[in-house]
Amino acid sequence: MKAEKLLMLAGIISLLCVSCSTSGILLDLPEEMNGRKVETITIAGVKGKGITGTKRRLKFDHTYSGMVKDGWHISADLFDKTPGAVFSAEATRRSLLANLGLDVNDVVSKTVDSYQFSIADTANAFLVFCSQQYLGKSTNYKADGKADFSIARQQLSKFRAALIPPAKTAMDEWYVEMGFDRVTPGGVLATTVREGMPQEKGFLTNKKDTIFIESLFIKAARPANTEKGMVKVTGGYMFTFQDQIIGSVDLFNSSCSFFNVMNANQKLVVAAAASALLLRNR
């Protein structure tokens, strides 16, 4: 079992390395979408951290222009050593472990990131404010002050973006909410091998219409000599409106694509939301 998990981990690492070094990675879009791509826009110039409060040009290969500004970024670990009630099952467990020389702490790791950017075509524009929060809960074990290891117990991610048009415009305000919350009792690696990467879901809404956003995985062939598929690796997202796929985001090729027929305003909304998701990895 250990050898199998190590092999799967090696596969994940190899796939991610290959994904980051080539544009040949394909997203696992539904079969009916094959050949229906209308337009693809590549977003360039988003790599590398800028200085907080300064603006950098956001480059698109065509149609759009924009600027991006990094906000504050906080990462911290908070240690909670409170076992709860004196006679609780948790207090008893920790007391027994302490008598065996094993110190146990619940650790909460928190990372918060904010940024904003503008995106415009020849007629309209959005100023987009984004906030990302990641929370990781784990149990830390320390034996005799020497051995020190942690087992992750939970992953929680929340992302929000507000798409604000200029005053005196016919464009609506739109809002993005994305996230996932999953328990990882055996640790992140074991859960990822078993279930794949977290499936982030959310929506884009102007409080009248709602566009749903779901994770897309990298398309990988099933090995011929086994019934087990590849570990699911998130490669992007798809936008669905009224049961029709209208757009997608490709994380590895830094691009967004439009499906079906949309007018310029609808495309700008999807492009702004796609840019917000791509800029999380800026």
C-alpha atoms as a PDB file:
ATOM      1  CA  MET A   1       0.000   0.000   0.000  1.00  0.00           C
ATOM      2  CA  LYS A   2       2.832   2.411   0.869  1.00  0.00           C
ATOM      3  CA  ALA A   3       4.576   1.680  -2.424  1.00  0.00           C
ATOM      4  CA  GLU A   4       1.329   2.336  -4.306  1.00  0.00           C
ATOM      5  CA  LYS A   5       0.832   5.684  -2.565  1.00  0.00           C
ATOM      6  CA  LEU A   6       4.426   6.714  -3.267  1.00  0.00           C
ATOM      7  CA  LEU A   7       3.936   5.779  -6.904  1.00  0.00           C
ATOM      8  CA  MET A   8       0.752   7.846  -7.049  1.00  0.00           C
ATOM      9  CA  LEU A   9       2.564  10.790  -5.417  1.00  0.00           C
ATOM     10  CA  ALA A  10       5.340  10.534  -7.982  1.00  0.00           C
ATOM     11  CA  GLY A  11       2.684  10.567 -10.678  1.00  0.00           C
ATOM     12  CA  ILE A  12       1.086  13.713  -9.252  1.00  0.00           C
ATOM     13  CA  ILE A  13       4.444  15.506  -9.067  1.00  0.00           C
ATOM     14  CA  SER A  14       5.396  14.425 -12.583  1.00  0.00           C
ATOM     15  CA  LEU A  15       2.041  15.528 -13.965  1.00  0.00           C
ATOM     16  CA  LEU A  16       2.289  18.912 -12.288  1.00  0.00           C
ATOM     17  CA  CYS A  17       5.846  19.419 -13.538  1.00  0.00           C
ATOM     18  CA  VAL A  18       4.864  18.521 -17.070  1.00  0.00           C
ATOM     19  CA  SER A  19       1.771  20.705 -16.813  1.00  0.00           C
ATOM     20  CA  CYS A  20       3.787  23.729 -15.830  1.00  0.00           C
ATOM     21  CA  SER A  21       6.271  23.290 -18.667  1.00  0.00           C
ATOM     22  CA  THR A  22       4.010  22.687 -21.645  1.00  0.00           C
ATOM     23  CA  SER A  23       0.929  24.081 -23.300  1.00  0.00           C
ATOM     24  CA  GLY A  24      -0.188  20.620 -24.420  1.00  0.00           C
ATOM     25  CA  ILE A  25      -2.281  19.930 -21.322  1.00  0.00           C
ATOM     26  CA  LEU A  26      -5.967  19.400 -22.124  1.00  0.00           C
ATOM     27  CA  LEU A  27      -8.916  20.013 -19.827  1.00  0.00           C
ATOM     28  CA  ASP A  28     -11.518  17.303 -19.367  1.00  0.00           C
ATOM     29  CA  LEU A  29     -14.451  19.206 -20.874  1.00  0.00           C
ATOM     30  CA  PRO A  30     -17.714  17.371 -21.576  1.00  0.00           C
ATOM     31  CA  GLU A  31     -17.687  15.559 -24.921  1.00  0.00           C
ATOM     32  CA  GLU A  32     -20.459  17.709 -26.358  1.00  0.00           C
ATOM     33  CA  MET A  33     -18.197  20.771 -26.090  1.00  0.00           C
ATOM     34  CA  ASN A  34     -15.614  19.398 -28.524  1.00  0.00           C
ATOM     35  CA  GLY A  35     -15.288  21.718 -31.488  1.00  0.00           C
ATOM     36  CA  ARG A  36     -17.622  24.350 -30.016  1.00  0.00           C
ATOM     37  CA  LYS A  37     -14.971  26.735 -28.730  1.00  0.00           C
ATOM     38  CA  VAL A  38     -15.657  30.181 -30.160  1.00  0.00           C
ATOM     39  CA  GLU A  39     -12.769  32.257 -28.866  1.00  0.00           C
ATOM     40  CA  THR A  40      -9.781  31.968 -26.519  1.00  0.00           C
ATOM     41  CA  ILE A  41      -8.003  34.846 -24.803  1.00  0.00           C
ATOM     42  CA  THR A  42      -4.597  34.383 -23.179  1.00  0.00           C
ATOM     43  CA  ILE A  43      -3.750  36.369 -20.076  1.00  0.00           C
ATOM     44  CA  ALA A  44      -0.030  37.141 -19.856  1.00  0.00           C
ATOM     45  CA  GLY A  45       2.154  39.163 -17.529  1.00  0.00           C
ATOM     46  CA  VAL A  46       0.588  37.897 -14.300  1.00  0.00           C
ATOM     47  CA  LYS A  47       3.572  35.984 -12.907  1.00  0.00           C
ATOM     48  CA  GLY A  48       5.727  37.299 -10.094  1.00  0.00           C
ATOM     49  CA  LYS A  49       4.757  39.232  -6.996  1.00  0.00           C
ATOM     50  CA  GLY A  50       4.486  43.001  -7.205  1.00  0.00           C
ATOM     51  CA  ILE A  51       5.049  45.435  -4.355  1.00  0.00           C
ATOM     52  CA  THR A  52       1.928  46.020  -2.264  1.00  0.00           C
ATOM     53  CA  GLY A  53       0.055  49.072  -3.497  1.00  0.00           C
ATOM     54  CA  THR A  54       1.887  49.428  -6.823  1.00  0.00           C
ATOM     55  CA  LYS A  55       0.272  48.743 -10.181  1.00  0.00           C
ATOM     56  CA  ARG A  56       1.463  46.434 -12.955  1.00  0.00           C
ATOM     57  CA  ARG A  57       0.070  46.170 -16.439  1.00  0.00           C
ATOM     58  CA  LEU A  58      -2.198  43.197 -17.037  1.00  0.00           C
ATOM     59  CA  LYS A  59      -1.582  41.926 -20.566  1.00  0.00           C
ATOM     60  CA  PHE A  60      -4.103  40.105 -22.758  1.00  0.00           C
ATOM     61  CA  ASP A  61      -3.214  38.809 -26.207  1.00  0.00           C
ATOM     62  CA  HIS A  62      -6.235  40.623 -27.674  1.00  0.00           C
ATOM     63  CA  THR A  63      -9.547  42.402 -26.939  1.00  0.00           C
ATOM     64  CA  TYR A  64      -8.877  43.465 -23.331  1.00  0.00           C
ATOM     65  CA  SER A  65      -6.475  45.655 -21.362  1.00  0.00           C
ATOM     66  CA  GLY A  66      -5.989  46.111 -17.636  1.00  0.00           C
ATOM     67  CA  MET A  67      -3.907  46.840 -14.554  1.00  0.00           C
ATOM     68  CA  VAL A  68      -3.341  44.746 -11.425  1.00  0.00           C
ATOM     69  CA  LYS A  69      -2.444  45.903  -7.903  1.00  0.00           C
ATOM     70  CA  ASP A  70      -1.380  43.589  -5.069  1.00  0.00           C
ATOM     71  CA  GLY A  71      -2.935  44.106  -1.667  1.00  0.00           C
ATOM     72  CA  TRP A  72      -1.969  42.759   1.727  1.00  0.00           C
ATOM     73  CA  HIS A  73      -0.891  39.170   2.200  1.00  0.00           C
ATOM     74  CA  ILE A  74      -0.918  37.475   5.616  1.00  0.00           C
ATOM     75  CA  SER A  75       0.193  33.981   6.557  1.00  0.00           C
ATOM     76  CA  ALA A  76       0.213  32.763  10.148  1.00  0.00           C
ATOM     77  CA  ASP A  77       0.001  29.687  12.373  1.00  0.00           C
ATOM     78  CA  LEU A  78      -2.191  29.822  15.470  1.00  0.00           C
ATOM     79  CA  PHE A  79      -1.610  27.161  18.111  1.00  0.00           C
ATOM     80  CA  ASP A  80      -4.623  26.010  20.104  1.00  0.00           C
ATOM     81  CA  LYS A  81      -3.573  23.885  23.086  1.00  0.00           C
ATOM     82  CA  THR A  82      -6.953  23.940  24.824  1.00  0.00           C
ATOM     83  CA  PRO A  83      -8.285  20.365  25.014  1.00  0.00           C
ATOM     84  CA  GLY A  84     -11.829  21.378  25.972  1.00  0.00           C
ATOM     85  CA  ALA A  85     -13.665  20.234  29.101  1.00  0.00           C
ATOM     86  CA  VAL A  86     -11.562  18.576  31.782  1.00  0.00           C
ATOM     87  CA  PHE A  87     -13.387  15.257  31.510  1.00  0.00           C
ATOM     88  CA  SER A  88     -13.974  15.327  27.746  1.00  0.00           C
ATOM     89  CA  ALA A  89     -12.871  12.450  25.520  1.00  0.00           C
ATOM     90  CA  GLU A  90     -10.340  14.798  23.883  1.00  0.00           C
ATOM     91  CA  ALA A  91      -8.824  15.772  27.246  1.00  0.00           C
ATOM     92  CA  THR A  92      -8.556  12.096  28.211  1.00  0.00           C
ATOM     93  CA  ARG A  93      -6.877  11.243  24.911  1.00  0.00           C
ATOM     94  CA  ARG A  94      -4.327  14.041  25.281  1.00  0.00           C
ATOM     95  CA  SER A  95      -3.653  13.106  28.895  1.00  0.00           C
ATOM     96  CA  LEU A  96      -2.934   9.491  27.943  1.00  0.00           C
ATOM     97  CA  LEU A  97      -0.661  10.598  25.094  1.00  0.00           C
ATOM     98  CA  ALA A  98       1.136  13.053  27.395  1.00  0.00           C
ATOM     99  CA  ASN A  99       1.834  10.222  29.856  1.00  0.00           C
ATOM    100  CA  LEU A 100       3.454   8.364  26.968  1.00  0.00           C
ATOM    101  CA  GLY A 101       5.693  11.351  26.260  1.00  0.00           C
ATOM    102  CA  LEU A 102       3.709  12.544  23.242  1.00  0.00           C
ATOM    103  CA  ASP A 103       2.678  16.203  23.150  1.00  0.00           C
ATOM    104  CA  VAL A 104      -0.344  16.932  20.922  1.00  0.00           C
ATOM    105  CA  ASN A 105      -1.444  20.331  19.620  1.00  0.00           C
ATOM    106  CA  ASP A 106      -4.138  21.364  17.175  1.00  0.00           C
ATOM    107  CA  VAL A 107      -2.636  23.772  14.663  1.00  0.00           C
ATOM    108  CA  VAL A 108      -4.548  26.211  12.473  1.00  0.00           C
ATOM    109  CA  SER A 109      -2.652  27.694   9.524  1.00  0.00           C
ATOM    110  CA  LYS A 110      -4.247  30.754   7.952  1.00  0.00           C
ATOM    111  CA  THR A 111      -3.308  32.564   4.753  1.00  0.00           C
ATOM    112  CA  VAL A 112      -5.139  35.650   3.498  1.00  0.00           C
ATOM    113  CA  ASP A 113      -4.435  37.411   0.213  1.00  0.00           C
ATOM    114  CA  SER A 114      -6.065  40.409  -1.468  1.00  0.00           C
ATOM    115  CA  TYR A 115      -5.615  42.145  -4.809  1.00  0.00           C
ATOM    116  CA  GLN A 116      -7.509  44.238  -7.303  1.00  0.00           C
ATOM    117  CA  PHE A 117      -7.380  44.729 -11.047  1.00  0.00           C
ATOM    118  CA  SER A 118      -9.122  46.495 -13.879  1.00  0.00           C
ATOM    119  CA  ILE A 119     -10.253  44.972 -17.159  1.00  0.00           C
ATOM    120  CA  ALA A 120     -11.704  46.857 -20.118  1.00  0.00           C
ATOM    121  CA  ASP A 121     -12.680  46.439 -23.736  1.00  0.00           C
ATOM    122  CA  THR A 122     -13.406  49.310 -26.129  1.00  0.00           C
ATOM    123  CA  ALA A 123     -16.818  50.023 -24.597  1.00  0.00           C
ATOM    124  CA  ASN A 124     -17.005  48.893 -20.953  1.00  0.00           C
ATOM    125  CA  ALA A 125     -14.852  48.092 -17.935  1.00  0.00           C
ATOM    126  CA  PHE A 126     -14.787  46.514 -14.484  1.00  0.00           C
ATOM    127  CA  LEU A 127     -12.748  47.258 -11.386  1.00  0.00           C
ATOM    128  CA  VAL A 128     -12.437  43.905  -9.600  1.00  0.00           C
ATOM    129  CA  PHE A 129     -11.697  43.536  -5.867  1.00  0.00           C
ATOM    130  CA  CYS A 130     -10.557  40.052  -4.784  1.00  0.00           C
ATOM    131  CA  SER A 131      -9.984  38.334  -1.447  1.00  0.00           C
ATOM    132  CA  GLN A 132      -8.663  34.811  -0.885  1.00  0.00           C
ATOM    133  CA  GLN A 133      -8.567  32.928   2.428  1.00  0.00           C
ATOM    134  CA  TYR A 134      -7.082  29.496   3.028  1.00  0.00           C
ATOM    135  CA  LEU A 135      -7.363  27.641   6.318  1.00  0.00           C
ATOM    136  CA  GLY A 136      -5.567  24.398   7.117  1.00  0.00           C
ATOM    137  CA  LYS A 137      -6.252  22.470  10.320  1.00  0.00           C
ATOM    138  CA  SER A 138      -3.783  19.840  11.445  1.00  0.00           C
ATOM    139  CA  THR A 139      -2.687  17.908  14.520  1.00  0.00           C
ATOM    140  CA  ASN A 140       0.943  18.288  15.518  1.00  0.00           C
ATOM    141  CA  TYR A 141       2.704  15.500  17.424  1.00  0.00           C
ATOM    142  CA  LYS A 142       5.987  15.922  19.307  1.00  0.00           C
ATOM    143  CA  ALA A 143       7.743  13.079  21.149  1.00  0.00           C
ATOM    144  CA  ASP A 144      10.344  13.859  23.837  1.00  0.00           C
ATOM    145  CA  GLY A 145      11.006  17.202  22.187  1.00  0.00           C
ATOM    146  CA  LYS A 146      12.679  15.479  19.245  1.00  0.00           C
ATOM    147  CA  ALA A 147      10.307  13.826  16.782  1.00  0.00           C
ATOM    148  CA  ASP A 148       7.954  16.416  15.321  1.00  0.00           C
ATOM    149  CA  PHE A 149       5.326  15.737  12.660  1.00  0.00           C
ATOM    150  CA  SER A 150       1.852  16.884  11.642  1.00  0.00           C
ATOM    151  CA  ILE A 151      -1.200  15.254  10.081  1.00  0.00           C
ATOM    152  CA  ALA A 152      -3.532  17.596   8.196  1.00  0.00           C
ATOM    153  CA  ARG A 153      -7.172  17.169   9.217  1.00  0.00           C
ATOM    154  CA  GLN A 154      -9.069  19.742   7.169  1.00  0.00           C
ATOM    155  CA  GLN A 155      -8.669  22.101   4.194  1.00  0.00           C
ATOM    156  CA  LEU A 156     -10.862  25.175   3.819  1.00  0.00           C
ATOM    157  CA  SER A 157     -10.707  27.746   1.016  1.00  0.00           C
ATOM    158  CA  LYS A 158     -12.865  30.828   0.435  1.00  0.00           C
ATOM    159  CA  PHE A 159     -12.561  33.220  -2.504  1.00  0.00           C
ATOM    160  CA  ARG A 160     -14.640  36.313  -3.196  1.00  0.00           C
ATOM    161  CA  ALA A 161     -14.517  38.921  -5.944  1.00  0.00           C
ATOM    162  CA  ALA A 162     -16.642  41.995  -6.661  1.00  0.00           C
ATOM    163  CA  LEU A 163     -16.876  43.185 -10.277  1.00  0.00           C
ATOM    164  CA  ILE A 164     -17.726  46.890 -10.118  1.00  0.00           C
ATOM    165  CA  PRO A 165     -18.470  48.849 -13.320  1.00  0.00           C
ATOM    166  CA  PRO A 166     -17.813  52.603 -13.600  1.00  0.00           C
ATOM    167  CA  ALA A 167     -20.587  54.991 -12.574  1.00  0.00           C
ATOM    168  CA  LYS A 168     -23.199  55.865 -15.199  1.00  0.00           C
ATOM    169  CA  THR A 169     -22.971  52.602 -17.085  1.00  0.00           C
ATOM    170  CA  ALA A 170     -25.495  50.005 -18.167  1.00  0.00           C
ATOM    171  CA  MET A 171     -23.344  47.182 -16.769  1.00  0.00           C
ATOM    172  CA  ASP A 172     -24.453  45.464 -13.540  1.00  0.00           C
ATOM    173  CA  GLU A 173     -22.279  44.711 -10.537  1.00  0.00           C
ATOM    174  CA  TRP A 174     -21.318  41.034 -10.415  1.00  0.00           C
ATOM    175  CA  TYR A 175     -20.022  38.946  -7.524  1.00  0.00           C
ATOM    176  CA  VAL A 176     -17.938  35.772  -7.449  1.00  0.00           C
ATOM    177  CA  GLU A 177     -17.904  33.294  -4.569  1.00  0.00           C
ATOM    178  CA  MET A 178     -15.791  30.136  -4.698  1.00  0.00           C
ATOM    179  CA  GLY A 179     -14.570  27.624  -2.168  1.00  0.00           C
ATOM    180  CA  PHE A 180     -14.195  24.139  -0.796  1.00  0.00           C
ATOM    181  CA  ASP A 181     -14.206  22.543   2.633  1.00  0.00           C
ATOM    182  CA  ARG A 182     -13.053  18.957   3.014  1.00  0.00           C
ATOM    183  CA  VAL A 183     -11.989  16.745   5.882  1.00  0.00           C
ATOM    184  CA  THR A 184      -8.669  14.908   5.452  1.00  0.00           C
ATOM    185  CA  PRO A 185      -8.549  12.455   8.392  1.00  0.00           C
ATOM    186  CA  GLY A 186      -5.628  10.488   6.966  1.00  0.00           C
ATOM    187  CA  GLY A 187      -3.713  13.562   5.849  1.00  0.00           C
ATOM    188  CA  VAL A 188      -3.737  15.615   2.642  1.00  0.00           C
ATOM    189  CA  LEU A 189      -1.629  13.156   0.621  1.00  0.00           C
ATOM    190  CA  ALA A 190      -3.773  10.115   1.435  1.00  0.00           C
ATOM    191  CA  THR A 191      -6.976  12.054   0.719  1.00  0.00           C
ATOM    192  CA  THR A 192      -5.599  13.433  -2.562  1.00  0.00           C
ATOM    193  CA  VAL A 193      -4.564   9.959  -3.715  1.00  0.00           C
ATOM    194  CA  ARG A 194      -8.015   8.637  -2.839  1.00  0.00           C
ATOM    195  CA  GLU A 195     -10.216  11.536  -3.976  1.00  0.00           C
ATOM    196  CA  GLY A 196      -8.044  13.795  -6.132  1.00  0.00           C
ATOM    197  CA  MET A 197      -7.529  17.504  -5.553  1.00  0.00           C
ATOM    198  CA  PRO A 198     -10.297  19.471  -3.781  1.00  0.00           C
ATOM    199  CA  GLN A 199     -13.284  20.192  -6.019  1.00  0.00           C
ATOM    200  CA  GLU A 200     -13.800  23.920  -5.770  1.00  0.00           C
ATOM    201  CA  LYS A 201     -17.266  25.189  -6.672  1.00  0.00           C
ATOM    202  CA  GLY A 202     -19.018  28.525  -6.698  1.00  0.00           C
ATOM    203  CA  PHE A 203     -21.007  31.030  -8.671  1.00  0.00           C
ATOM    204  CA  LEU A 204     -20.971  34.384 -10.445  1.00  0.00           C
ATOM    205  CA  THR A 205     -24.098  36.498  -9.974  1.00  0.00           C
ATOM    206  CA  ASN A 206     -25.559  39.967 -10.485  1.00  0.00           C
ATOM    207  CA  LYS A 207     -28.451  39.045  -8.136  1.00  0.00           C
ATOM    208  CA  LYS A 208     -30.682  38.519 -11.173  1.00  0.00           C
ATOM    209  CA  ASP A 209     -28.831  35.872 -13.150  1.00  0.00           C
ATOM    210  CA  THR A 210     -26.471  33.234 -11.753  1.00  0.00           C
ATOM    211  CA  ILE A 211     -23.591  31.558 -13.576  1.00  0.00           C
ATOM    212  CA  PHE A 212     -22.288  28.423 -11.841  1.00  0.00           C
ATOM    213  CA  ILE A 213     -18.549  27.692 -11.672  1.00  0.00           C
ATOM    214  CA  GLU A 214     -17.144  24.171 -11.305  1.00  0.00           C
ATOM    215  CA  SER A 215     -13.670  22.639 -11.316  1.00  0.00           C
ATOM    216  CA  LEU A 216     -12.263  21.055 -14.459  1.00  0.00           C
ATOM    217  CA  PHE A 217      -9.646  18.328 -14.225  1.00  0.00           C
ATOM    218  CA  ILE A 218      -6.721  17.594 -16.505  1.00  0.00           C
ATOM    219  CA  LYS A 219      -7.642  15.092 -19.180  1.00  0.00           C
ATOM    220  CA  ALA A 220      -5.640  11.884 -18.678  1.00  0.00           C
ATOM    221  CA  ALA A 221      -5.961   8.453 -20.247  1.00  0.00           C
ATOM    222  CA  ARG A 222      -6.846   5.525 -18.004  1.00  0.00           C
ATOM    223  CA  PRO A 223      -3.893   3.092 -17.746  1.00  0.00           C
ATOM    224  CA  ALA A 224      -4.488   0.016 -19.914  1.00  0.00           C
ATOM    225  CA  ASN A 225      -3.294  -2.493 -17.305  1.00  0.00           C
ATOM    226  CA  THR A 226      -5.428  -1.331 -14.403  1.00  0.00           C
ATOM    227  CA  GLU A 227      -8.945  -0.213 -13.620  1.00  0.00           C
ATOM    228  CA  LYS A 228      -7.720   2.659 -11.471  1.00  0.00           C
ATOM    229  CA  GLY A 229      -7.780   6.105 -13.061  1.00  0.00           C
ATOM    230  CA  MET A 230      -5.243   8.887 -12.660  1.00  0.00           C
ATOM    231  CA  VAL A 231      -5.312  11.136  -9.603  1.00  0.00           C
ATOM    232  CA  LYS A 232      -7.623  14.052 -10.417  1.00  0.00           C
ATOM    233  CA  VAL A 233      -5.609  17.257 -10.834  1.00  0.00           C
ATOM    234  CA  THR A 234      -7.494  20.544 -11.121  1.00  0.00           C
ATOM    235  CA  GLY A 235      -6.649  22.254 -14.401  1.00  0.00           C
ATOM    236  CA  GLY A 236      -9.295  24.947 -14.615  1.00  0.00           C
ATOM    237  CA  TYR A 237     -12.950  25.866 -14.248  1.00  0.00           C
ATOM    238  CA  MET A 238     -16.083  25.966 -16.380  1.00  0.00           C
ATOM    239  CA  PHE A 239     -18.899  28.521 -16.360  1.00  0.00           C
ATOM    240  CA  THR A 240     -22.445  27.192 -16.784  1.00  0.00           C
ATOM    241  CA  PHE A 241     -25.559  29.290 -17.402  1.00  0.00           C
ATOM    242  CA  GLN A 242     -29.021  27.766 -17.855  1.00  0.00           C
ATOM    243  CA  ASP A 243     -27.468  24.291 -18.258  1.00  0.00           C
ATOM    244  CA  GLN A 244     -25.184  25.527 -21.058  1.00  0.00           C
ATOM    245  CA  ILE A 245     -21.394  25.815 -20.784  1.00  0.00           C
ATOM    246  CA  ILE A 246     -20.562  29.390 -21.764  1.00  0.00           C
ATOM    247  CA  GLY A 247     -16.899  29.630 -20.784  1.00  0.00           C
ATOM    248  CA  SER A 248     -13.871  27.970 -19.236  1.00  0.00           C
ATOM    249  CA  VAL A 249     -10.607  28.858 -17.508  1.00  0.00           C
ATOM    250  CA  ASP A 250      -7.360  27.015 -18.272  1.00  0.00           C
ATOM    251  CA  LEU A 251      -4.981  27.431 -15.322  1.00  0.00           C
ATOM    252  CA  PHE A 252      -1.948  25.915 -17.026  1.00  0.00           C
ATOM    253  CA  ASN A 253      -2.225  27.873 -20.259  1.00  0.00           C
ATOM    254  CA  SER A 254      -3.389  31.072 -18.491  1.00  0.00           C
ATOM    255  CA  SER A 255      -6.373  31.525 -20.762  1.00  0.00           C
ATOM    256  CA  CYS A 256     -10.144  31.754 -20.827  1.00  0.00           C
ATOM    257  CA  SER A 257     -12.385  30.454 -23.602  1.00  0.00           C
ATOM    258  CA  PHE A 258     -15.912  31.334 -24.662  1.00  0.00           C
ATOM    259  CA  PHE A 259     -18.489  28.810 -25.872  1.00  0.00           C
ATOM    260  CA  ASN A 260     -21.787  29.417 -27.634  1.00  0.00           C
ATOM    261  CA  VAL A 261     -22.746  32.911 -28.768  1.00  0.00           C
ATOM    262  CA  MET A 262     -22.320  35.734 -26.250  1.00  0.00           C
ATOM    263  CA  ASN A 263     -22.400  39.480 -26.727  1.00  0.00           C
ATOM    264  CA  ALA A 264     -19.474  41.724 -25.777  1.00  0.00           C
ATOM    265  CA  ASN A 265     -20.871  42.578 -22.329  1.00  0.00           C
ATOM    266  CA  GLN A 266     -21.398  38.909 -21.418  1.00  0.00           C
ATOM    267  CA  LYS A 267     -17.879  38.068 -22.581  1.00  0.00           C
ATOM    268  CA  LEU A 268     -16.442  40.874 -20.451  1.00  0.00           C
ATOM    269  CA  VAL A 269     -18.198  39.500 -17.350  1.00  0.00           C
ATOM    270  CA  VAL A 270     -16.812  35.988 -17.934  1.00  0.00           C
ATOM    271  CA  ALA A 271     -13.344  37.349 -18.811  1.00  0.00           C
ATOM    272  CA  ALA A 272     -13.288  39.412 -15.598  1.00  0.00           C
ATOM    273  CA  ALA A 273     -14.272  36.415 -13.443  1.00  0.00           C
ATOM    274  CA  ALA A 274     -11.755  34.206 -15.271  1.00  0.00           C
ATOM    275  CA  SER A 275      -9.001  36.786 -14.716  1.00  0.00           C
ATOM    276  CA  ALA A 276      -9.868  36.951 -11.008  1.00  0.00           C
ATOM    277  CA  LEU A 277      -9.387  33.179 -10.711  1.00  0.00           C
ATOM    278  CA  LEU A 278      -6.160  33.179 -12.738  1.00  0.00           C
ATOM    279  CA  LEU A 279      -4.657  36.038 -10.738  1.00  0.00           C
ATOM    280  CA  ARG A 280      -4.825  33.974  -7.557  1.00  0.00           C
ATOM    281  CA  ASN A 281      -1.644  32.313  -8.838  1.00  0.00           C
ATOM    282  CA  ARG A 282      -0.037  35.559 -10.024  1.00  0.00           C
END
